[in-house]
N, C-alpha and C. Protein backbone atom coordinates (compact mmCIF):
# COMPACT_ATOMS: atom_id res chain seq x y z
N UNK A 1 -61.07 -228.50 112.58
CA UNK A 1 -59.79 -228.00 112.31
C UNK A 1 -58.72 -229.48 112.60
N UNK A 2 -57.52 -229.69 111.67
CA UNK A 2 -56.77 -230.06 111.97
C UNK A 2 -55.22 -229.75 111.80
N UNK A 3 -54.53 -229.43 112.21
CA UNK A 3 -53.44 -228.71 112.01
C UNK A 3 -52.45 -229.75 113.05
N UNK A 4 -50.26 -228.96 112.71
CA UNK A 4 -49.74 -229.12 113.18
C UNK A 4 -48.58 -228.16 113.52
N UNK A 5 -48.93 -228.58 115.56
CA UNK A 5 -47.38 -227.39 115.96
C UNK A 5 -45.84 -227.25 115.99
N UNK A 6 -45.39 -226.71 115.37
CA UNK A 6 -43.89 -226.62 115.22
C UNK A 6 -44.01 -225.98 116.39
N UNK A 7 -42.29 -226.17 117.37
CA UNK A 7 -41.60 -225.20 118.66
C UNK A 7 -40.67 -224.85 117.94
N UNK A 8 -40.42 -223.81 118.11
CA UNK A 8 -38.61 -222.40 117.46
C UNK A 8 -38.63 -222.57 119.25
N UNK A 9 -37.09 -222.58 119.63
CA UNK A 9 -36.19 -222.31 120.50
C UNK A 9 -35.12 -221.15 119.97
N UNK A 10 -35.02 -220.14 120.46
CA UNK A 10 -33.55 -219.15 120.79
C UNK A 10 -32.57 -220.18 120.72
N UNK A 11 -31.05 -219.66 120.75
CA UNK A 11 -30.73 -220.54 120.76
C UNK A 11 -29.49 -220.13 121.32
N UNK A 12 -27.57 -220.21 121.33
CA UNK A 12 -26.68 -219.59 121.28
C UNK A 12 -26.23 -220.40 120.75
N UNK A 13 -27.02 -221.86 119.89
CA UNK A 13 -25.19 -223.06 119.41
C UNK A 13 -26.81 -223.98 119.29
N UNK A 14 -26.78 -224.05 117.70
CA UNK A 14 -28.18 -224.74 117.02
C UNK A 14 -27.05 -225.71 117.14
N UNK A 15 -26.10 -226.59 116.69
CA UNK A 15 -25.78 -227.96 116.72
C UNK A 15 -26.07 -228.85 118.05
N UNK A 16 -25.13 -227.45 119.02
CA UNK A 16 -24.78 -228.36 120.72
C UNK A 16 -26.49 -229.04 121.20
N UNK A 17 -27.70 -227.81 120.81
CA UNK A 17 -28.85 -227.88 121.23
C UNK A 17 -30.10 -229.14 120.54
N UNK A 18 -29.09 -229.14 119.21
CA UNK A 18 -29.89 -229.80 118.58
C UNK A 18 -29.03 -231.44 119.13
N UNK A 19 -27.83 -231.26 118.75
CA UNK A 19 -27.78 -233.06 119.48
C UNK A 19 -28.09 -233.37 121.18
N UNK A 20 -28.33 -232.48 122.12
CA UNK A 20 -28.59 -232.58 122.84
C UNK A 20 -30.65 -233.18 122.96
N UNK A 21 -31.21 -232.77 121.87
CA UNK A 21 -32.09 -233.31 121.93
C UNK A 21 -32.66 -234.30 121.47
N UNK A 22 -31.61 -234.40 120.00
CA UNK A 22 -31.59 -235.81 119.60
C UNK A 22 -31.62 -236.99 120.10
N UNK A 23 -29.90 -236.48 121.48
CA UNK A 23 -30.51 -237.85 121.63
C UNK A 23 -30.92 -237.80 123.41
N UNK A 24 -31.90 -236.36 123.87
CA UNK A 24 -32.91 -236.49 124.85
C UNK A 24 -34.25 -237.41 124.00
N UNK A 25 -34.36 -237.25 123.04
CA UNK A 25 -35.89 -236.95 122.66
C UNK A 25 -36.17 -238.50 121.92
N UNK A 26 -35.11 -238.53 120.98
CA UNK A 26 -35.14 -239.34 119.53
C UNK A 26 -35.13 -238.95 118.06
N UNK A 27 -35.35 -237.58 118.72
CA UNK A 27 -35.04 -237.14 117.41
C UNK A 27 -33.77 -237.02 115.68
N UNK A 28 -34.59 -236.86 115.43
CA UNK A 28 -33.66 -236.78 113.97
C UNK A 28 -34.00 -235.20 113.32
N UNK A 29 -32.47 -234.95 112.51
CA UNK A 29 -33.16 -233.80 111.26
C UNK A 29 -33.86 -233.94 110.39
N UNK A 30 -34.69 -233.17 110.79
CA UNK A 30 -35.29 -232.96 109.30
C UNK A 30 -34.94 -232.56 108.02
N UNK A 31 -35.10 -233.52 106.92
CA UNK A 31 -34.71 -233.08 105.23
C UNK A 31 -35.15 -232.00 105.19
N UNK A 32 -34.96 -230.84 104.06
CA UNK A 32 -35.35 -229.52 103.75
C UNK A 32 -36.54 -230.53 103.12
N UNK A 33 -37.85 -229.07 102.87
CA UNK A 33 -38.45 -229.11 101.53
C UNK A 33 -38.59 -229.78 100.95
N UNK A 34 -39.33 -230.47 100.21
CA UNK A 34 -39.38 -230.28 99.02
C UNK A 34 -39.48 -229.64 98.14
N UNK A 35 -38.64 -228.95 96.76
CA UNK A 35 -38.42 -230.29 96.29
C UNK A 35 -37.14 -230.26 96.63
N UNK A 36 -36.09 -229.78 97.65
CA UNK A 36 -34.76 -229.16 97.69
C UNK A 36 -34.61 -230.17 98.00
N UNK A 37 -32.56 -230.59 97.90
CA UNK A 37 -32.04 -231.43 97.91
C UNK A 37 -31.21 -231.36 99.64
N UNK A 38 -31.18 -229.66 99.46
CA UNK A 38 -30.92 -229.16 100.97
C UNK A 38 -31.12 -228.68 101.76
N UNK A 39 -30.53 -228.14 102.99
CA UNK A 39 -31.47 -226.72 103.51
C UNK A 39 -30.48 -225.74 102.82
N UNK A 40 -29.39 -225.91 102.51
CA UNK A 40 -28.96 -224.14 101.44
C UNK A 40 -29.72 -224.10 99.98
N UNK A 41 -29.71 -225.31 99.31
CA UNK A 41 -30.41 -224.77 98.77
C UNK A 41 -32.08 -223.95 99.59
N UNK A 42 -32.99 -225.26 100.24
CA UNK A 42 -34.21 -224.58 100.72
C UNK A 42 -33.75 -222.64 100.87
N UNK A 43 -33.02 -222.24 101.61
CA UNK A 43 -32.81 -221.61 101.95
C UNK A 43 -31.99 -219.81 101.11
N UNK A 44 -32.01 -220.84 100.20
CA UNK A 44 -31.08 -219.74 99.31
C UNK A 44 -32.57 -219.48 98.32
N UNK A 45 -33.65 -219.47 98.09
CA UNK A 45 -34.58 -219.11 97.68
C UNK A 45 -35.34 -218.09 98.83
N UNK A 46 -34.83 -218.26 99.80
CA UNK A 46 -34.97 -216.57 100.38
C UNK A 46 -34.38 -216.09 100.38
N UNK A 47 -33.11 -215.55 99.41
CA UNK A 47 -31.67 -214.74 99.11
C UNK A 47 -30.81 -214.85 100.87
N UNK A 48 -30.93 -216.40 101.99
CA UNK A 48 -30.25 -216.78 102.46
C UNK A 48 -29.15 -217.83 102.52
N UNK A 49 -27.90 -217.44 103.21
CA UNK A 49 -26.68 -218.25 103.45
C UNK A 49 -27.62 -219.67 104.59
N UNK A 50 -26.88 -220.66 104.36
CA UNK A 50 -26.75 -221.52 105.65
C UNK A 50 -25.72 -221.59 106.50
N UNK A 51 -25.83 -220.35 107.52
CA UNK A 51 -24.73 -220.42 107.85
C UNK A 51 -24.10 -220.61 109.12
N UNK A 52 -25.30 -222.04 109.42
CA UNK A 52 -25.01 -222.97 110.38
C UNK A 52 -25.74 -223.17 111.30
N UNK A 53 -26.95 -221.24 111.98
CA UNK A 53 -27.25 -220.69 112.73
C UNK A 53 -28.59 -221.28 113.12
N UNK A 54 -29.05 -222.60 111.92
CA UNK A 54 -29.98 -223.46 112.59
C UNK A 54 -30.67 -224.31 112.61
N UNK A 55 -30.89 -225.41 113.35
CA UNK A 55 -31.26 -227.12 112.54
C UNK A 55 -33.22 -226.83 113.05
N UNK A 56 -33.00 -228.92 111.75
CA UNK A 56 -34.38 -228.27 112.17
C UNK A 56 -34.68 -229.92 112.50
N UNK A 57 -35.61 -230.23 113.13
CA UNK A 57 -35.14 -231.69 113.95
C UNK A 57 -36.56 -232.44 113.65
N UNK A 58 -37.28 -233.59 113.87
CA UNK A 58 -38.77 -233.78 113.50
C UNK A 58 -38.91 -235.59 114.36
N UNK A 59 -39.95 -235.89 115.43
CA UNK A 59 -39.84 -236.98 115.65
C UNK A 59 -40.02 -238.18 114.62
N UNK A 60 -39.61 -238.87 114.98
CA UNK A 60 -38.92 -240.13 113.17
C UNK A 60 -40.10 -241.03 113.49
N UNK A 61 -41.46 -240.58 114.56
CA UNK A 61 -42.32 -241.35 114.78
C UNK A 61 -44.19 -240.58 114.10
N UNK A 62 -43.26 -239.09 113.55
CA UNK A 62 -44.40 -238.34 113.91
C UNK A 62 -45.42 -237.94 114.24
N UNK A 63 -45.26 -238.14 115.33
CA UNK A 63 -46.35 -237.97 116.66
C UNK A 63 -45.60 -236.51 117.39
N UNK A 64 -44.57 -236.23 117.38
CA UNK A 64 -44.34 -234.90 118.20
C UNK A 64 -44.09 -233.27 117.76
N UNK A 65 -44.43 -232.52 117.90
CA UNK A 65 -44.32 -231.73 117.44
C UNK A 65 -42.32 -231.93 116.66
N UNK A 66 -42.22 -231.13 115.63
CA UNK A 66 -41.15 -230.34 114.81
C UNK A 66 -40.44 -229.81 115.79
N UNK A 67 -38.83 -229.25 115.75
CA UNK A 67 -38.10 -228.72 116.83
C UNK A 67 -37.50 -228.53 115.80
N UNK A 68 -37.73 -226.32 115.69
CA UNK A 68 -36.68 -225.28 114.47
C UNK A 68 -35.43 -224.63 115.89
N UNK A 69 -34.52 -224.90 116.21
CA UNK A 69 -33.47 -224.13 116.71
C UNK A 69 -33.34 -222.97 115.86
N UNK A 70 -32.80 -222.42 116.43
CA UNK A 70 -32.98 -220.70 115.44
C UNK A 70 -31.10 -220.12 116.91
N UNK A 71 -30.38 -219.96 116.40
CA UNK A 71 -29.40 -218.27 116.84
C UNK A 71 -29.57 -217.21 116.72
N UNK A 72 -29.90 -216.73 118.07
CA UNK A 72 -30.02 -215.87 118.31
C UNK A 72 -28.75 -214.66 119.35
N UNK A 73 -28.17 -213.49 118.14
CA UNK A 73 -26.76 -212.95 119.59
C UNK A 73 -27.34 -212.43 120.80
N UNK A 74 -28.68 -212.91 121.70
CA UNK A 74 -28.72 -212.86 122.84
C UNK A 74 -29.35 -213.17 123.86
N UNK A 75 -28.64 -213.68 125.41
CA UNK A 75 -28.80 -215.23 125.62
C UNK A 75 -29.32 -214.73 126.86
N UNK A 76 -30.02 -216.01 126.98
CA UNK A 76 -31.58 -216.06 127.01
C UNK A 76 -31.84 -215.60 129.83
N UNK A 77 -32.18 -215.01 129.55
CA UNK A 77 -32.51 -213.61 131.14
C UNK A 77 -33.67 -214.22 131.81
N UNK A 78 -34.46 -215.03 131.77
CA UNK A 78 -35.45 -215.08 132.56
C UNK A 78 -36.14 -216.76 132.35
N UNK A 79 -36.67 -217.01 132.79
CA UNK A 79 -37.43 -218.03 133.34
C UNK A 79 -38.25 -218.01 131.91
N UNK A 80 -38.42 -219.59 130.67
CA UNK A 80 -39.28 -219.80 129.93
C UNK A 80 -40.79 -218.91 130.59
N UNK A 81 -41.79 -218.53 129.36
CA UNK A 81 -42.77 -218.35 129.35
C UNK A 81 -43.86 -219.88 128.70
N UNK A 82 -42.70 -220.72 128.10
CA UNK A 82 -43.73 -222.45 127.62
C UNK A 82 -41.95 -222.56 127.81
N UNK A 83 -42.53 -224.17 128.71
CA UNK A 83 -41.94 -225.27 128.32
C UNK A 83 -42.43 -226.57 127.70
N UNK A 84 -41.25 -227.36 127.34
CA UNK A 84 -42.51 -228.34 127.02
C UNK A 84 -42.20 -229.61 128.59
N UNK A 85 -43.67 -230.18 128.20
CA UNK A 85 -43.49 -231.22 129.20
C UNK A 85 -43.59 -232.85 128.54
N UNK A 86 -42.41 -233.46 128.72
CA UNK A 86 -42.11 -234.49 127.85
C UNK A 86 -42.60 -235.62 128.83
N UNK A 87 -43.47 -236.50 128.50
CA UNK A 87 -44.53 -238.16 129.24
C UNK A 87 -43.42 -239.02 128.98
N UNK A 88 -43.43 -239.53 130.34
CA UNK A 88 -41.96 -240.69 130.19
C UNK A 88 -42.78 -241.96 130.81
N UNK A 89 -43.93 -241.11 131.97
CA UNK A 89 -43.92 -242.61 133.38
C UNK A 89 -44.82 -243.76 132.93
N UNK A 90 -45.74 -243.57 131.46
CA UNK A 90 -46.86 -244.31 131.46
C UNK A 90 -47.55 -244.79 132.28
N UNK A 91 -47.43 -246.27 132.05
CA UNK A 91 -48.42 -247.14 132.87
C UNK A 91 -48.04 -247.84 133.62
N UNK A 92 -48.94 -248.15 134.71
CA UNK A 92 -47.78 -248.71 135.40
C UNK A 92 -48.06 -248.91 136.97
N UNK A 93 -47.21 -249.83 138.44
CA UNK A 93 -47.23 -248.77 140.13
C UNK A 93 -47.03 -247.43 139.43
N UNK A 94 -47.33 -246.28 140.50
CA UNK A 94 -46.56 -245.07 141.09
C UNK A 94 -44.69 -245.97 140.62
N UNK A 95 -44.54 -247.39 141.26
CA UNK A 95 -42.82 -247.42 142.17
C UNK A 95 -42.72 -247.09 139.74
N UNK A 96 -43.63 -248.10 139.25
CA UNK A 96 -42.37 -248.40 138.75
C UNK A 96 -43.47 -246.76 137.23
N UNK A 97 -43.92 -245.94 137.65
CA UNK A 97 -43.29 -244.89 137.21
C UNK A 97 -42.45 -244.19 136.72
N UNK A 98 -42.92 -244.11 138.20
CA UNK A 98 -41.74 -243.02 138.91
C UNK A 98 -39.85 -243.52 138.54
N UNK A 99 -39.58 -244.53 138.49
CA UNK A 99 -38.57 -245.43 137.82
C UNK A 99 -38.68 -245.06 136.30
N UNK A 100 -39.67 -244.78 135.98
CA UNK A 100 -38.98 -244.87 134.10
C UNK A 100 -38.33 -243.27 134.16
N UNK A 101 -39.59 -242.42 135.34
CA UNK A 101 -39.04 -241.03 134.68
C UNK A 101 -37.59 -240.72 135.01
N UNK A 102 -36.93 -241.41 136.59
CA UNK A 102 -35.84 -241.19 136.82
C UNK A 102 -34.69 -241.10 135.97
N UNK A 103 -35.31 -242.02 135.63
CA UNK A 103 -34.30 -242.97 134.09
C UNK A 103 -34.22 -241.89 133.20
N UNK A 104 -35.06 -241.94 132.85
CA UNK A 104 -35.53 -240.30 130.98
C UNK A 104 -34.51 -239.39 132.04
N UNK A 105 -34.22 -238.62 133.20
CA UNK A 105 -33.86 -237.82 133.63
C UNK A 105 -32.19 -237.84 133.79
N UNK A 106 -32.14 -239.57 134.18
CA UNK A 106 -30.90 -239.80 134.14
C UNK A 106 -29.94 -239.35 132.80
N UNK A 107 -31.25 -240.06 132.02
CA UNK A 107 -30.40 -240.21 130.59
C UNK A 107 -30.22 -238.34 129.93
N UNK A 108 -30.74 -237.82 130.30
CA UNK A 108 -31.41 -236.55 129.72
C UNK A 108 -30.12 -235.56 130.68
N UNK A 109 -29.98 -236.41 131.72
CA UNK A 109 -28.37 -235.53 132.13
C UNK A 109 -26.97 -235.56 131.91
N UNK A 110 -27.35 -237.10 131.89
CA UNK A 110 -25.68 -237.25 130.89
C UNK A 110 -26.01 -236.67 128.89
N UNK A 111 -26.89 -236.24 128.64
CA UNK A 111 -27.41 -235.66 127.97
C UNK A 111 -26.80 -234.05 127.46
N UNK A 112 -26.17 -233.86 128.60
CA UNK A 112 -26.30 -232.18 129.48
C UNK A 112 -26.63 -231.55 129.84
N UNK A 113 -27.88 -231.90 130.27
CA UNK A 113 -29.26 -230.98 131.17
C UNK A 113 -28.93 -231.37 132.63
N UNK A 114 -29.54 -230.33 133.15
CA UNK A 114 -28.91 -230.07 134.49
C UNK A 114 -30.54 -229.91 135.37
N UNK A 115 -31.09 -230.27 136.57
CA UNK A 115 -31.69 -230.67 136.94
C UNK A 115 -32.00 -230.04 137.61
N UNK A 116 -33.25 -229.12 137.55
CA UNK A 116 -33.48 -228.29 138.39
C UNK A 116 -34.66 -228.21 140.08
N UNK A 117 -35.45 -229.06 139.68
CA UNK A 117 -36.48 -229.26 141.07
C UNK A 117 -36.99 -230.90 140.96
N UNK A 118 -37.06 -231.44 142.23
CA UNK A 118 -37.33 -232.63 141.77
C UNK A 118 -39.67 -232.76 142.41
N UNK A 119 -39.95 -233.00 142.16
CA UNK A 119 -41.46 -233.55 143.08
C UNK A 119 -41.46 -235.26 143.13
N UNK A 120 -40.95 -235.59 143.96
CA UNK A 120 -41.32 -237.03 144.00
C UNK A 120 -42.36 -238.05 143.62
N UNK A 121 -42.24 -239.00 142.91
CA UNK A 121 -43.08 -239.40 142.84
C UNK A 121 -44.50 -238.51 140.92
N UNK A 122 -44.20 -237.59 140.62
CA UNK A 122 -44.54 -237.30 140.03
C UNK A 122 -43.93 -236.51 138.45
N UNK A 123 -42.56 -235.43 139.19
CA UNK A 123 -41.85 -235.19 138.16
C UNK A 123 -40.62 -234.45 138.53
N UNK A 124 -40.20 -234.32 137.09
CA UNK A 124 -38.55 -233.74 137.54
C UNK A 124 -38.06 -232.59 135.86
N UNK A 125 -38.36 -231.52 136.27
CA UNK A 125 -37.70 -230.14 136.39
C UNK A 125 -36.71 -230.55 136.11
N UNK A 126 -36.31 -229.82 134.65
CA UNK A 126 -35.19 -230.41 133.95
C UNK A 126 -34.34 -228.61 133.43
N UNK A 127 -33.42 -228.07 132.90
CA UNK A 127 -32.91 -227.36 131.86
C UNK A 127 -31.78 -227.91 130.70
N UNK A 128 -32.35 -227.71 129.66
CA UNK A 128 -31.45 -228.46 128.55
C UNK A 128 -29.92 -227.18 128.39
N UNK A 129 -29.36 -228.02 127.87
CA UNK A 129 -28.20 -227.03 128.02
C UNK A 129 -27.86 -225.58 127.47
N UNK A 130 -29.30 -225.35 127.86
CA UNK A 130 -29.29 -223.76 127.25
C UNK A 130 -29.67 -223.18 127.83
N UNK A 131 -30.47 -223.32 129.04
CA UNK A 131 -30.83 -222.95 130.19
C UNK A 131 -32.56 -223.83 130.01
N UNK A 132 -33.22 -223.72 128.72
CA UNK A 132 -34.18 -223.94 128.94
C UNK A 132 -35.47 -224.82 129.25
N UNK A 133 -36.17 -224.69 130.73
CA UNK A 133 -36.76 -225.76 130.69
C UNK A 133 -37.22 -226.75 130.38
N UNK A 134 -37.52 -227.86 130.58
CA UNK A 134 -38.75 -228.33 130.09
C UNK A 134 -39.05 -229.11 131.79
N UNK A 135 -39.81 -230.70 132.08
CA UNK A 135 -40.26 -231.21 132.81
C UNK A 135 -40.13 -232.16 132.37
N UNK A 136 -39.95 -233.79 132.74
CA UNK A 136 -40.49 -235.51 133.23
C UNK A 136 -41.26 -234.97 133.85
N UNK A 137 -42.58 -236.03 132.86
CA UNK A 137 -43.92 -236.78 134.15
C UNK A 137 -44.36 -238.61 132.55
């Protein structure tokens, strides 16, 4: 069976979180489903208005899962039960792989992430701007 997985994240500010993931992961805005020209037009078919409470992103290479970011009124209160593992290490010596992980973490922090923990030589745990955990390895 062939299928794709999309990830949906609840958030307080979809626009801010979308900008973080576009910067951190290289994602782009997902165009509305065909035949709709705009997201507002697509939402109208469900009797909903485009209030700017959501953002839809995709990997331009079509490899990684799409992200749907939806504003919810309640704040994040606990550790995520599911988190993203972003694989950046690639091949090479352990030192080369770790250098790529550290460089990626620096980019994520510059985009608004916070380092939560570091397991030297293996992975770095981060939180996105709204506190959702993710790992770089």
